Amino acid sequence: MNPEIKIKESDIHLHIKTRMLQRGISMAEIEIAINKGWDADDAVEGTTGKVFTFSYNAQWEGKFFEEKEVTVYYKYKGSNLILLTAKARYGKQFSRKEEK
């Protein structure tokens, strides 16, 4: 089993920080998606994408949503993990694949 990946503040560059804020994604959610999520079908070659669906049951931009699906895209340069972007979808009954 692979060791759990820990994300540090220094791993998150300005582009990602901006997108996280715009999309309502926390650093903890990024870690969970990477460590427990399933493969994103839309990741391009050379990039890894991981998806995780969280119970949300809260308001986002004035609407109530039951779930939040977070997708994180990253790659490795040598042994360094490079975060590329993260996106979130809010809704309910997202399809779930087997969680790790």
Protein backbone atom coordinates (compact mmCIF):
# COMPACT_ATOMS: atom_id res chain seq x y z
CA MET A 1 0.00 0.00 0.00
CA ASN A 2 1.29 3.48 -0.87
CA PRO A 3 2.11 5.84 1.99
CA GLU A 4 -0.44 8.58 2.58
CA ILE A 5 0.34 11.80 0.73
CA LYS A 6 0.47 14.93 2.88
CA ILE A 7 0.00 18.33 1.26
CA LYS A 8 1.94 21.29 2.65
CA GLU A 9 1.06 24.96 2.23
CA SER A 10 4.19 25.29 0.06
CA ASP A 11 2.76 22.65 -2.35
CA ILE A 12 -0.13 24.94 -3.22
CA HIS A 13 0.85 27.68 -5.65
CA LEU A 14 -1.16 30.87 -6.23
CA HIS A 15 -3.23 29.46 -9.12
CA ILE A 16 -4.40 26.53 -7.00
CA LYS A 17 -5.07 28.73 -3.95
CA THR A 18 -7.22 31.02 -6.09
CA ARG A 19 -9.17 28.10 -7.57
CA MET A 20 -9.64 26.50 -4.15
CA LEU A 21 -11.12 29.71 -2.79
CA GLN A 22 -13.37 30.21 -5.83
CA ARG A 23 -14.55 26.60 -5.72
CA GLY A 24 -14.85 26.10 -1.96
CA ILE A 25 -12.16 23.43 -1.65
CA SER A 26 -10.03 22.94 1.47
CA MET A 27 -6.50 21.57 1.74
CA ALA A 28 -7.90 18.64 3.74
CA GLU A 29 -10.32 17.81 0.91
CA ILE A 30 -7.45 17.79 -1.57
CA GLU A 31 -5.51 15.34 0.63
CA ILE A 32 -8.54 13.08 1.04
CA ALA A 33 -9.27 13.09 -2.70
CA ILE A 34 -5.66 12.16 -3.51
CA ASN A 35 -5.41 9.47 -0.83
CA LYS A 36 -8.90 7.94 -0.86
CA GLY A 37 -10.36 8.95 -4.21
CA TRP A 38 -10.75 6.96 -7.37
CA ASP A 39 -9.14 7.68 -10.74
CA ALA A 40 -10.62 10.55 -12.76
CA ASP A 41 -11.53 9.32 -16.23
CA ASP A 42 -10.72 12.67 -17.84
CA ALA A 43 -7.09 13.03 -16.72
CA VAL A 44 -4.77 13.55 -19.68
CA GLU A 45 -1.74 11.35 -20.27
CA GLY A 46 1.04 12.11 -17.80
CA THR A 47 -1.40 13.60 -15.28
CA THR A 48 -3.16 11.82 -12.43
CA GLY A 49 -6.68 12.81 -11.47
CA LYS A 50 -8.44 11.66 -8.30
CA VAL A 51 -12.11 12.12 -7.43
CA PHE A 52 -13.82 11.92 -4.04
CA THR A 53 -17.43 12.65 -3.10
CA PHE A 54 -18.00 14.23 0.30
CA SER A 55 -21.23 14.51 2.27
CA TYR A 56 -21.83 18.27 2.30
CA ASN A 57 -25.34 19.13 3.54
CA ALA A 58 -24.70 22.88 3.48
CA GLN A 59 -25.23 26.03 1.48
CA TRP A 60 -22.95 26.99 -1.40
CA GLU A 61 -23.58 30.28 -3.18
CA GLY A 62 -27.09 30.50 -1.73
CA LYS A 63 -28.23 26.95 -2.55
CA PHE A 64 -28.35 23.82 -0.38
CA PHE A 65 -26.38 20.80 -1.59
CA GLU A 66 -26.16 17.29 -0.16
CA GLU A 67 -22.79 16.39 -1.67
CA LYS A 68 -19.59 17.91 -2.98
CA GLU A 69 -17.44 16.09 -5.52
CA VAL A 70 -13.80 17.21 -5.51
CA THR A 71 -11.42 16.32 -8.35
CA VAL A 72 -7.70 16.96 -8.03
CA TYR A 73 -5.21 16.82 -10.91
CA TYR A 74 -1.49 16.41 -10.29
CA LYS A 75 1.70 14.92 -11.65
CA TYR A 76 5.10 13.95 -10.37
CA LYS A 77 8.36 15.61 -11.34
CA GLY A 78 10.91 13.18 -10.02
CA SER A 79 9.66 12.40 -6.53
CA ASN A 80 7.89 15.77 -6.12
CA LEU A 81 4.12 15.94 -6.38
CA ILE A 82 3.00 18.95 -8.45
CA LEU A 83 -0.61 20.02 -7.93
CA LEU A 84 -2.11 21.29 -11.19
CA THR A 85 -5.69 22.21 -10.31
CA ALA A 86 -8.73 21.18 -8.32
CA LYS A 87 -12.41 21.46 -9.12
CA ALA A 88 -15.63 20.95 -7.23
CA ARG A 89 -19.17 20.07 -8.21
CA TYR A 90 -22.06 20.50 -5.83
CA GLY A 91 -25.20 18.38 -6.02
CA LYS A 92 -26.48 14.99 -4.96
CA GLN A 93 -26.28 11.36 -5.96
CA PHE A 94 -22.92 11.64 -7.70
CA SER A 95 -21.76 8.29 -9.00
CA ARG A 96 -19.17 6.79 -6.69
CA LYS A 97 -16.57 4.24 -7.48
CA GLU A 98 -15.05 2.02 -4.85
CA GLU A 99 -13.12 4.16 -2.39
CA LYS A 100 -9.59 3.12 -1.45
